[in-house]
Amino acid sequence: MTKFTLEQKLAAVEEYLQGERSQRSIAKKIGANHKSLQTWIAQYEANGVNGFISGYTNYSVEFKMDVINYMNEKGTSALEAATVFNIPDPSTISKWERIFEEYGIDGLQSKKRRRPSMNKDINKRPNKQVPAEGSVEALQAEVEYLRMENAYLKKLNALVQNKGKSPKNTRLK
């Protein structure tokens, strides 16, 4: 997907607002989707040039609920709500709606997305209970292990046999 600069967006919006060309023809000329151009036009009309300036924003749960409630009360689309609340992408609001319908307000909570730290103390890991020798669980575990080992060896044998039959190794007559 091509990213468009602020100048390109402004030029496309101004060209449309002059009324000489359609959204589809302008979008085709610059290599954009006409829905993107439609979003740019709505953002420009609602917020001016500031509608195009966006940075990374972490929206609060209250803000997300305000947007969803606004859409429900006014009957607006995600595009219209995005222009009113100056949200760069209307699909963000659609995602919030789906999450809210499925998980409720708890689903809208921000989740920390980072890699968990490595546990330096290996002894803190829970030890698996080793079944007693000769017990039913121990015998079942041994049978399962032997089945996996057998399947692995069969697969290895099949791969070795197929390597000998490879089309690279056969001569053309």
N, C-alpha and C. Protein backbone atom coordinates (compact mmCIF):
# COMPACT_ATOMS: atom_id res chain seq x y z
N MET A 1 0.84 -1.16 0.00
CA MET A 1 0.00 0.00 0.00
C MET A 1 0.89 1.23 0.00
N THR A 2 0.54 2.19 -0.83
CA THR A 2 1.31 3.41 -0.96
C THR A 2 0.89 4.41 0.11
N LYS A 3 1.89 5.02 0.73
CA LYS A 3 1.61 6.09 1.68
C LYS A 3 1.64 7.39 0.92
N PHE A 4 0.71 8.26 1.23
CA PHE A 4 0.61 9.54 0.56
C PHE A 4 1.03 10.65 1.51
N THR A 5 1.73 11.62 0.97
CA THR A 5 2.18 12.74 1.78
C THR A 5 1.01 13.69 2.01
N LEU A 6 1.22 14.59 2.93
CA LEU A 6 0.21 15.60 3.24
C LEU A 6 -0.10 16.44 2.00
N GLU A 7 0.92 16.77 1.23
CA GLU A 7 0.74 17.59 0.03
C GLU A 7 -0.09 16.85 -1.02
N GLN A 8 0.18 15.55 -1.19
CA GLN A 8 -0.58 14.77 -2.17
C GLN A 8 -2.05 14.68 -1.77
N LYS A 9 -2.31 14.47 -0.49
CA LYS A 9 -3.69 14.39 -0.02
C LYS A 9 -4.41 15.72 -0.23
N LEU A 10 -3.73 16.81 0.15
CA LEU A 10 -4.33 18.13 0.00
C LEU A 10 -4.63 18.44 -1.47
N ALA A 11 -3.69 18.10 -2.35
CA ALA A 11 -3.88 18.38 -3.77
C ALA A 11 -5.08 17.60 -4.30
N ALA A 12 -5.20 16.33 -3.91
CA ALA A 12 -6.32 15.51 -4.37
C ALA A 12 -7.65 16.04 -3.85
N VAL A 13 -7.69 16.43 -2.58
CA VAL A 13 -8.92 16.96 -2.00
C VAL A 13 -9.31 18.27 -2.66
N GLU A 14 -8.34 19.16 -2.85
CA GLU A 14 -8.64 20.45 -3.48
C GLU A 14 -9.11 20.27 -4.91
N GLU A 15 -8.51 19.32 -5.63
CA GLU A 15 -8.95 19.06 -7.00
C GLU A 15 -10.40 18.59 -7.02
N TYR A 16 -10.76 17.74 -6.05
CA TYR A 16 -12.15 17.28 -6.00
C TYR A 16 -13.10 18.42 -5.63
N LEU A 17 -12.69 19.23 -4.66
CA LEU A 17 -13.55 20.32 -4.20
C LEU A 17 -13.76 21.40 -5.26
N GLN A 18 -12.86 21.48 -6.23
CA GLN A 18 -13.05 22.41 -7.34
C GLN A 18 -14.18 21.95 -8.25
N GLY A 19 -14.51 20.66 -8.18
CA GLY A 19 -15.67 20.14 -8.89
C GLY A 19 -15.45 19.76 -10.34
N GLU A 20 -14.22 19.69 -10.78
CA GLU A 20 -13.96 19.37 -12.18
C GLU A 20 -13.88 17.87 -12.46
N ARG A 21 -13.51 17.10 -11.46
CA ARG A 21 -13.33 15.66 -11.66
C ARG A 21 -14.03 14.89 -10.54
N SER A 22 -14.30 13.61 -10.83
CA SER A 22 -14.95 12.76 -9.85
C SER A 22 -13.93 12.17 -8.89
N GLN A 23 -14.43 11.61 -7.77
CA GLN A 23 -13.54 10.98 -6.79
C GLN A 23 -12.79 9.82 -7.42
N ARG A 24 -13.50 9.01 -8.19
CA ARG A 24 -12.87 7.83 -8.80
C ARG A 24 -11.76 8.22 -9.77
N SER A 25 -11.99 9.25 -10.58
CA SER A 25 -10.96 9.63 -11.55
C SER A 25 -9.73 10.22 -10.85
N ILE A 26 -9.95 11.00 -9.83
CA ILE A 26 -8.82 11.57 -9.08
C ILE A 26 -8.05 10.45 -8.38
N ALA A 27 -8.78 9.53 -7.75
CA ALA A 27 -8.13 8.42 -7.04
C ALA A 27 -7.34 7.56 -8.02
N LYS A 28 -7.89 7.31 -9.19
CA LYS A 28 -7.18 6.51 -10.20
C LYS A 28 -5.92 7.22 -10.66
N LYS A 29 -6.01 8.55 -10.80
CA LYS A 29 -4.86 9.34 -11.25
C LYS A 29 -3.70 9.25 -10.27
N ILE A 30 -3.99 9.31 -8.97
CA ILE A 30 -2.91 9.30 -7.99
C ILE A 30 -2.57 7.89 -7.50
N GLY A 31 -3.36 6.89 -7.92
CA GLY A 31 -3.08 5.51 -7.53
C GLY A 31 -3.61 5.15 -6.15
N ALA A 32 -4.74 5.74 -5.78
CA ALA A 32 -5.33 5.47 -4.47
C ALA A 32 -6.70 4.84 -4.66
N ASN A 33 -7.24 4.32 -3.61
CA ASN A 33 -8.59 3.79 -3.60
C ASN A 33 -9.55 4.95 -3.44
N HIS A 34 -10.69 4.92 -4.13
CA HIS A 34 -11.62 6.04 -4.04
C HIS A 34 -12.20 6.18 -2.64
N LYS A 35 -12.23 5.08 -1.87
CA LYS A 35 -12.70 5.17 -0.48
C LYS A 35 -11.70 5.97 0.36
N SER A 36 -10.42 5.82 0.07
CA SER A 36 -9.42 6.60 0.79
C SER A 36 -9.59 8.08 0.50
N LEU A 37 -9.82 8.40 -0.77
CA LEU A 37 -10.04 9.79 -1.13
C LEU A 37 -11.30 10.32 -0.46
N GLN A 38 -12.32 9.49 -0.39
CA GLN A 38 -13.57 9.90 0.28
C GLN A 38 -13.29 10.20 1.76
N THR A 39 -12.47 9.39 2.40
CA THR A 39 -12.10 9.61 3.79
C THR A 39 -11.32 10.91 3.94
N TRP A 40 -10.38 11.16 3.02
CA TRP A 40 -9.59 12.39 3.08
C TRP A 40 -10.48 13.61 2.95
N ILE A 41 -11.44 13.54 2.04
CA ILE A 41 -12.35 14.68 1.83
C ILE A 41 -13.15 14.95 3.10
N ALA A 42 -13.68 13.89 3.71
CA ALA A 42 -14.47 14.05 4.93
C ALA A 42 -13.62 14.61 6.06
N GLN A 43 -12.38 14.11 6.19
CA GLN A 43 -11.49 14.61 7.23
C GLN A 43 -11.15 16.08 7.00
N TYR A 44 -10.92 16.44 5.76
CA TYR A 44 -10.58 17.83 5.44
C TYR A 44 -11.76 18.76 5.72
N GLU A 45 -12.95 18.33 5.33
CA GLU A 45 -14.12 19.17 5.55
C GLU A 45 -14.43 19.35 7.03
N ALA A 46 -14.18 18.33 7.83
CA ALA A 46 -14.49 18.41 9.26
C ALA A 46 -13.40 19.09 10.07
N ASN A 47 -12.13 18.82 9.73
CA ASN A 47 -11.03 19.29 10.59
C ASN A 47 -9.99 20.12 9.86
N GLY A 48 -10.16 20.38 8.59
CA GLY A 48 -9.17 21.13 7.83
C GLY A 48 -7.90 20.33 7.65
N VAL A 49 -6.79 21.02 7.56
CA VAL A 49 -5.49 20.37 7.35
C VAL A 49 -5.14 19.49 8.55
N ASN A 50 -5.59 19.86 9.73
CA ASN A 50 -5.29 19.07 10.94
C ASN A 50 -5.88 17.66 10.86
N GLY A 51 -6.85 17.45 10.02
CA GLY A 51 -7.44 16.13 9.85
C GLY A 51 -6.47 15.13 9.26
N PHE A 52 -5.44 15.64 8.57
CA PHE A 52 -4.45 14.76 7.95
C PHE A 52 -3.26 14.49 8.85
N ILE A 53 -3.08 15.32 9.84
CA ILE A 53 -1.93 15.17 10.73
C ILE A 53 -2.33 14.22 11.85
N SER A 54 -1.66 13.11 11.89
CA SER A 54 -1.97 12.13 12.93
C SER A 54 -0.69 11.46 13.39
N GLY A 55 -0.64 11.18 14.64
CA GLY A 55 0.48 10.45 15.21
C GLY A 55 -0.07 9.23 15.91
N TYR A 56 0.79 8.51 16.54
CA TYR A 56 0.33 7.34 17.27
C TYR A 56 -0.47 7.80 18.48
N THR A 57 -1.65 7.27 18.62
CA THR A 57 -2.50 7.66 19.73
C THR A 57 -3.01 6.41 20.42
N ASN A 58 -2.94 6.43 21.73
CA ASN A 58 -3.50 5.35 22.52
C ASN A 58 -4.81 5.88 23.09
N TYR A 59 -5.92 5.39 22.57
CA TYR A 59 -7.22 5.91 22.97
C TYR A 59 -7.67 5.26 24.28
N SER A 60 -8.27 6.05 25.15
CA SER A 60 -8.76 5.54 26.42
C SER A 60 -10.06 4.78 26.20
N VAL A 61 -10.45 3.99 27.19
CA VAL A 61 -11.69 3.23 27.12
C VAL A 61 -12.88 4.18 27.07
N GLU A 62 -12.80 5.27 27.81
CA GLU A 62 -13.89 6.25 27.83
C GLU A 62 -14.07 6.87 26.45
N PHE A 63 -12.95 7.19 25.79
CA PHE A 63 -13.03 7.78 24.46
C PHE A 63 -13.65 6.79 23.47
N LYS A 64 -13.22 5.54 23.54
CA LYS A 64 -13.78 4.51 22.65
C LYS A 64 -15.28 4.36 22.87
N MET A 65 -15.69 4.37 24.14
CA MET A 65 -17.12 4.25 24.44
C MET A 65 -17.89 5.49 23.96
N ASP A 66 -17.27 6.67 24.07
CA ASP A 66 -17.92 7.89 23.57
C ASP A 66 -18.16 7.79 22.07
N VAL A 67 -17.18 7.28 21.33
CA VAL A 67 -17.31 7.14 19.88
C VAL A 67 -18.42 6.15 19.55
N ILE A 68 -18.42 4.99 20.22
CA ILE A 68 -19.44 3.97 19.96
C ILE A 68 -20.83 4.48 20.32
N ASN A 69 -20.95 5.15 21.47
CA ASN A 69 -22.24 5.71 21.88
C ASN A 69 -22.72 6.79 20.90
N TYR A 70 -21.80 7.61 20.42
CA TYR A 70 -22.14 8.65 19.45
C TYR A 70 -22.71 8.00 18.18
N MET A 71 -22.07 6.94 17.72
CA MET A 71 -22.54 6.26 16.52
C MET A 71 -23.93 5.66 16.73
N ASN A 72 -24.15 5.07 17.90
CA ASN A 72 -25.44 4.45 18.18
C ASN A 72 -26.55 5.49 18.33
N GLU A 73 -26.24 6.59 19.01
CA GLU A 73 -27.25 7.62 19.23
C GLU A 73 -27.60 8.39 17.96
N LYS A 74 -26.58 8.74 17.19
CA LYS A 74 -26.78 9.57 16.00
C LYS A 74 -27.04 8.71 14.75
N GLY A 75 -26.74 7.43 14.82
CA GLY A 75 -26.92 6.56 13.66
C GLY A 75 -25.91 6.85 12.55
N THR A 76 -24.70 7.25 12.92
CA THR A 76 -23.69 7.59 11.93
C THR A 76 -22.87 6.36 11.56
N SER A 77 -22.17 6.48 10.46
CA SER A 77 -21.28 5.40 10.03
C SER A 77 -19.92 5.58 10.70
N ALA A 78 -19.06 4.59 10.51
CA ALA A 78 -17.71 4.67 11.08
C ALA A 78 -16.94 5.81 10.42
N LEU A 79 -17.15 6.04 9.14
CA LEU A 79 -16.47 7.13 8.45
C LEU A 79 -16.88 8.48 9.02
N GLU A 80 -18.16 8.67 9.25
CA GLU A 80 -18.63 9.94 9.81
C GLU A 80 -18.11 10.15 11.23
N ALA A 81 -18.13 9.09 12.02
CA ALA A 81 -17.61 9.20 13.40
C ALA A 81 -16.11 9.48 13.40
N ALA A 82 -15.40 8.88 12.45
CA ALA A 82 -13.96 9.11 12.37
C ALA A 82 -13.66 10.57 12.05
N THR A 83 -14.47 11.17 11.20
CA THR A 83 -14.24 12.59 10.89
C THR A 83 -14.58 13.49 12.08
N VAL A 84 -15.63 13.15 12.80
CA VAL A 84 -16.03 13.98 13.94
C VAL A 84 -14.98 13.90 15.05
N PHE A 85 -14.47 12.71 15.33
CA PHE A 85 -13.52 12.52 16.43
C PHE A 85 -12.07 12.58 15.98
N ASN A 86 -11.84 12.90 14.69
CA ASN A 86 -10.50 13.01 14.11
C ASN A 86 -9.67 11.74 14.31
N ILE A 87 -10.26 10.62 13.93
CA ILE A 87 -9.57 9.33 13.96
C ILE A 87 -9.15 9.04 12.53
N PRO A 88 -7.86 8.78 12.29
CA PRO A 88 -7.37 8.66 10.91
C PRO A 88 -8.01 7.54 10.09
N ASP A 89 -8.32 6.42 10.71
CA ASP A 89 -8.82 5.28 9.95
C ASP A 89 -10.16 4.82 10.50
N PRO A 90 -11.21 4.85 9.68
CA PRO A 90 -12.53 4.42 10.16
C PRO A 90 -12.59 2.94 10.55
N SER A 91 -11.69 2.14 10.00
CA SER A 91 -11.71 0.72 10.36
C SER A 91 -11.35 0.51 11.83
N THR A 92 -10.66 1.47 12.43
CA THR A 92 -10.35 1.39 13.86
C THR A 92 -11.64 1.38 14.67
N ILE A 93 -12.59 2.22 14.28
CA ILE A 93 -13.86 2.29 14.99
C ILE A 93 -14.66 1.01 14.78
N SER A 94 -14.63 0.48 13.55
CA SER A 94 -15.32 -0.78 13.28
C SER A 94 -14.76 -1.90 14.15
N LYS A 95 -13.45 -1.90 14.33
CA LYS A 95 -12.81 -2.90 15.19
C LYS A 95 -13.27 -2.75 16.64
N TRP A 96 -13.35 -1.51 17.10
CA TRP A 96 -13.83 -1.26 18.46
C TRP A 96 -15.25 -1.79 18.64
N GLU A 97 -16.09 -1.57 17.64
CA GLU A 97 -17.48 -2.05 17.72
C GLU A 97 -17.54 -3.57 17.84
N ARG A 98 -16.76 -4.26 17.00
CA ARG A 98 -16.76 -5.73 17.04
C ARG A 98 -16.27 -6.23 18.40
N ILE A 99 -15.21 -5.62 18.91
CA ILE A 99 -14.67 -6.03 20.20
C ILE A 99 -15.68 -5.78 21.30
N PHE A 100 -16.34 -4.62 21.26
CA PHE A 100 -17.33 -4.28 22.28
C PHE A 100 -18.51 -5.25 22.26
N GLU A 101 -18.97 -5.62 21.06
CA GLU A 101 -20.09 -6.56 20.96
C GLU A 101 -19.71 -7.94 21.47
N GLU A 102 -18.46 -8.33 21.24
CA GLU A 102 -18.04 -9.68 21.62
C GLU A 102 -17.61 -9.77 23.09
N TYR A 103 -16.83 -8.79 23.57
CA TYR A 103 -16.24 -8.89 24.90
C TYR A 103 -16.76 -7.86 25.90
N GLY A 104 -17.52 -6.90 25.43
CA GLY A 104 -18.01 -5.85 26.32
C GLY A 104 -16.95 -4.79 26.55
N ILE A 105 -17.14 -4.01 27.59
CA ILE A 105 -16.24 -2.89 27.86
C ILE A 105 -14.85 -3.36 28.25
N ASP A 106 -14.73 -4.55 28.81
CA ASP A 106 -13.42 -5.08 29.20
C ASP A 106 -12.54 -5.33 27.98
N GLY A 107 -13.15 -5.65 26.85
CA GLY A 107 -12.39 -5.90 25.63
C GLY A 107 -11.73 -4.64 25.08
N LEU A 108 -12.26 -3.47 25.46
CA LEU A 108 -11.70 -2.21 24.95
C LEU A 108 -10.50 -1.73 25.75
N GLN A 109 -10.17 -2.41 26.84
CA GLN A 109 -9.00 -2.04 27.64
C GLN A 109 -7.75 -2.18 26.79
N SER A 110 -6.80 -1.27 26.96
CA SER A 110 -5.52 -1.37 26.27
C SER A 110 -4.73 -2.52 26.86
N LYS A 111 -4.16 -3.29 25.99
CA LYS A 111 -3.36 -4.43 26.43
C LYS A 111 -1.89 -4.12 26.17
N LYS A 112 -1.07 -4.36 27.17
CA LYS A 112 0.36 -4.15 26.97
C LYS A 112 0.86 -5.26 26.07
N ARG A 113 1.47 -4.84 24.97
CA ARG A 113 1.97 -5.82 24.01
C ARG A 113 3.48 -5.75 24.00
N ARG A 114 4.06 -6.51 24.86
CA ARG A 114 5.51 -6.57 24.87
C ARG A 114 5.92 -7.99 25.19
N ARG A 115 7.11 -8.27 24.89
CA ARG A 115 7.64 -9.60 25.13
C ARG A 115 7.84 -9.80 26.63
N PRO A 116 7.38 -10.91 27.17
CA PRO A 116 7.57 -11.13 28.61
C PRO A 116 9.05 -11.30 28.95
N SER A 117 9.42 -10.84 30.12
CA SER A 117 10.82 -10.93 30.52
C SER A 117 11.18 -12.38 30.79
N MET A 118 12.46 -12.66 30.58
CA MET A 118 12.93 -14.03 30.81
C MET A 118 13.01 -14.29 32.30
N ASN A 119 12.62 -15.46 32.69
CA ASN A 119 12.65 -15.85 34.09
C ASN A 119 14.06 -16.31 34.41
N LYS A 120 14.77 -15.58 35.26
CA LYS A 120 16.16 -15.91 35.55
C LYS A 120 16.30 -17.07 36.52
N ASP A 121 15.30 -17.29 37.32
CA ASP A 121 15.37 -18.37 38.28
C ASP A 121 14.64 -19.58 37.72
N ILE A 122 15.39 -20.54 37.26
CA ILE A 122 14.80 -21.73 36.64
C ILE A 122 14.04 -22.56 37.68
N ASN A 123 14.42 -22.43 38.93
CA ASN A 123 13.77 -23.23 39.97
C ASN A 123 12.32 -22.81 40.19
N LYS A 124 11.92 -21.66 39.71
CA LYS A 124 10.54 -21.21 39.90
C LYS A 124 9.56 -21.93 38.99
N ARG A 125 10.08 -22.60 37.97
CA ARG A 125 9.20 -23.31 37.06
C ARG A 125 8.54 -24.48 37.80
N PRO A 126 7.25 -24.68 37.56
CA PRO A 126 6.60 -25.81 38.24
C PRO A 126 7.12 -27.14 37.69
N ASN A 127 7.42 -28.02 38.62
CA ASN A 127 7.90 -29.34 38.22
C ASN A 127 6.74 -30.22 37.82
N LYS A 128 6.94 -30.97 36.74
CA LYS A 128 5.90 -31.92 36.34
C LYS A 128 5.98 -33.13 37.27
N GLN A 129 4.83 -33.59 37.64
CA GLN A 129 4.78 -34.76 38.48
C GLN A 129 5.12 -35.99 37.64
N VAL A 130 6.16 -36.71 38.06
CA VAL A 130 6.55 -37.93 37.36
C VAL A 130 5.76 -39.07 37.96
N PRO A 131 4.97 -39.77 37.13
CA PRO A 131 4.18 -40.88 37.68
C PRO A 131 5.10 -41.99 38.21
N ALA A 132 4.62 -42.69 39.20
CA ALA A 132 5.38 -43.77 39.82
C ALA A 132 5.62 -44.88 38.80
N GLU A 133 6.77 -45.51 38.93
CA GLU A 133 7.16 -46.59 38.03
C GLU A 133 6.14 -47.72 38.10
N GLY A 134 5.62 -48.13 36.95
CA GLY A 134 4.67 -49.24 36.90
C GLY A 134 3.22 -48.81 37.07
N SER A 135 2.96 -47.54 37.33
CA SER A 135 1.58 -47.10 37.47
C SER A 135 0.93 -47.01 36.09
N VAL A 136 -0.39 -46.88 36.08
CA VAL A 136 -1.13 -46.82 34.83
C VAL A 136 -0.69 -45.59 34.02
N GLU A 137 -0.52 -44.44 34.69
CA GLU A 137 -0.12 -43.22 34.00
C GLU A 137 1.26 -43.37 33.39
N ALA A 138 2.19 -44.00 34.11
CA ALA A 138 3.55 -44.19 33.61
C ALA A 138 3.54 -45.09 32.38
N LEU A 139 2.74 -46.15 32.44
CA LEU A 139 2.67 -47.06 31.30
C LEU A 139 2.03 -46.38 30.09
N GLN A 140 1.01 -45.55 30.32
CA GLN A 140 0.38 -44.83 29.21
C GLN A 140 1.35 -43.84 28.58
N ALA A 141 2.13 -43.17 29.42
CA ALA A 141 3.11 -42.22 28.91
C ALA A 141 4.17 -42.93 28.09
N GLU A 142 4.60 -44.10 28.55
CA GLU A 142 5.60 -44.87 27.81
C GLU A 142 5.07 -45.35 26.47
N VAL A 143 3.82 -45.80 26.45
CA VAL A 143 3.20 -46.24 25.20
C VAL A 143 3.11 -45.08 24.21
N GLU A 144 2.71 -43.92 24.70
CA GLU A 144 2.61 -42.74 23.84
C GLU A 144 3.97 -42.36 23.28
N TYR A 145 5.01 -42.40 24.11
CA TYR A 145 6.35 -42.09 23.66
C TYR A 145 6.80 -43.08 22.59
N LEU A 146 6.55 -44.35 22.80
CA LEU A 146 6.96 -45.36 21.83
C LEU A 146 6.20 -45.21 20.52
N ARG A 147 4.94 -44.83 20.57
CA ARG A 147 4.16 -44.60 19.34
C ARG A 147 4.75 -43.42 18.55
N MET A 148 5.10 -42.35 19.26
CA MET A 148 5.69 -41.20 18.57
C MET A 148 7.04 -41.58 17.94
N GLU A 149 7.84 -42.33 18.67
CA GLU A 149 9.13 -42.75 18.16
C GLU A 149 8.96 -43.64 16.92
N ASN A 150 7.98 -44.54 16.96
CA ASN A 150 7.71 -45.42 15.83
C ASN A 150 7.27 -44.61 14.61
N ALA A 151 6.39 -43.66 14.80
CA ALA A 151 5.92 -42.83 13.70
C ALA A 151 7.07 -42.01 13.11
N TYR A 152 7.95 -41.52 13.96
CA TYR A 152 9.09 -40.74 13.49
C TYR A 152 10.01 -41.61 12.62
N LEU A 153 10.30 -42.81 13.09
CA LEU A 153 11.18 -43.69 12.33
C LEU A 153 10.56 -44.11 10.99
N LYS A 154 9.25 -44.34 10.97
CA LYS A 154 8.58 -44.67 9.71
C LYS A 154 8.69 -43.51 8.72
N LYS A 155 8.49 -42.30 9.20
CA LYS A 155 8.57 -41.12 8.34
C LYS A 155 9.99 -40.94 7.82
N LEU A 156 10.98 -41.15 8.68
CA LEU A 156 12.36 -41.03 8.27
C LEU A 156 12.70 -42.06 7.21
N ASN A 157 12.24 -43.28 7.39
CA ASN A 157 12.49 -44.35 6.43
C ASN A 157 11.85 -44.02 5.07
N ALA A 158 10.63 -43.49 5.09
CA ALA A 158 9.95 -43.13 3.85
C ALA A 158 10.69 -42.01 3.14
N LEU A 159 11.22 -41.05 3.87
CA LEU A 159 11.97 -39.96 3.25
C LEU A 159 13.27 -40.46 2.63
N VAL A 160 13.95 -41.38 3.30
CA VAL A 160 15.20 -41.94 2.77
C VAL A 160 14.92 -42.71 1.49
N GLN A 161 13.83 -43.49 1.46
CA GLN A 161 13.48 -44.26 0.26
C GLN A 161 13.08 -43.33 -0.88
N ASN A 162 12.36 -42.28 -0.60
CA ASN A 162 11.95 -41.34 -1.65
C ASN A 162 13.14 -40.57 -2.21
N LYS A 163 14.16 -40.37 -1.42
CA LYS A 163 15.34 -39.65 -1.89
C LYS A 163 16.02 -40.45 -2.99
N GLY A 164 16.04 -41.76 -2.86
CA GLY A 164 16.62 -42.61 -3.89
C GLY A 164 15.81 -42.60 -5.17
N LYS A 165 14.53 -42.32 -5.09
CA LYS A 165 13.64 -42.31 -6.25
C LYS A 165 13.46 -40.90 -6.81
N SER A 166 14.26 -39.96 -6.36
CA SER A 166 14.12 -38.57 -6.77
C SER A 166 14.28 -38.42 -8.27
N PRO A 167 13.53 -37.55 -8.92
CA PRO A 167 13.64 -37.37 -10.37
C PRO A 167 15.02 -36.86 -10.79
N LYS A 168 15.74 -36.26 -9.87
CA LYS A 168 17.09 -35.78 -10.20
C LYS A 168 18.05 -36.94 -10.40
N ASN A 169 17.80 -38.04 -9.69
CA ASN A 169 18.69 -39.18 -9.74
C ASN A 169 18.39 -40.12 -10.90
N THR A 170 17.28 -39.98 -11.55
CA THR A 170 16.93 -40.87 -12.67
C THR A 170 17.51 -40.32 -13.95
N ARG A 171 17.99 -41.23 -14.80
CA ARG A 171 18.58 -40.85 -16.07
C ARG A 171 17.54 -40.86 -17.16
N LEU A 172 17.69 -39.96 -18.06
CA LEU A 172 16.82 -39.96 -19.24
C LEU A 172 17.39 -40.89 -20.26
N LYS A 173 16.55 -41.71 -20.89
CA LYS A 173 17.04 -42.67 -21.89
C LYS A 173 16.86 -42.15 -23.27
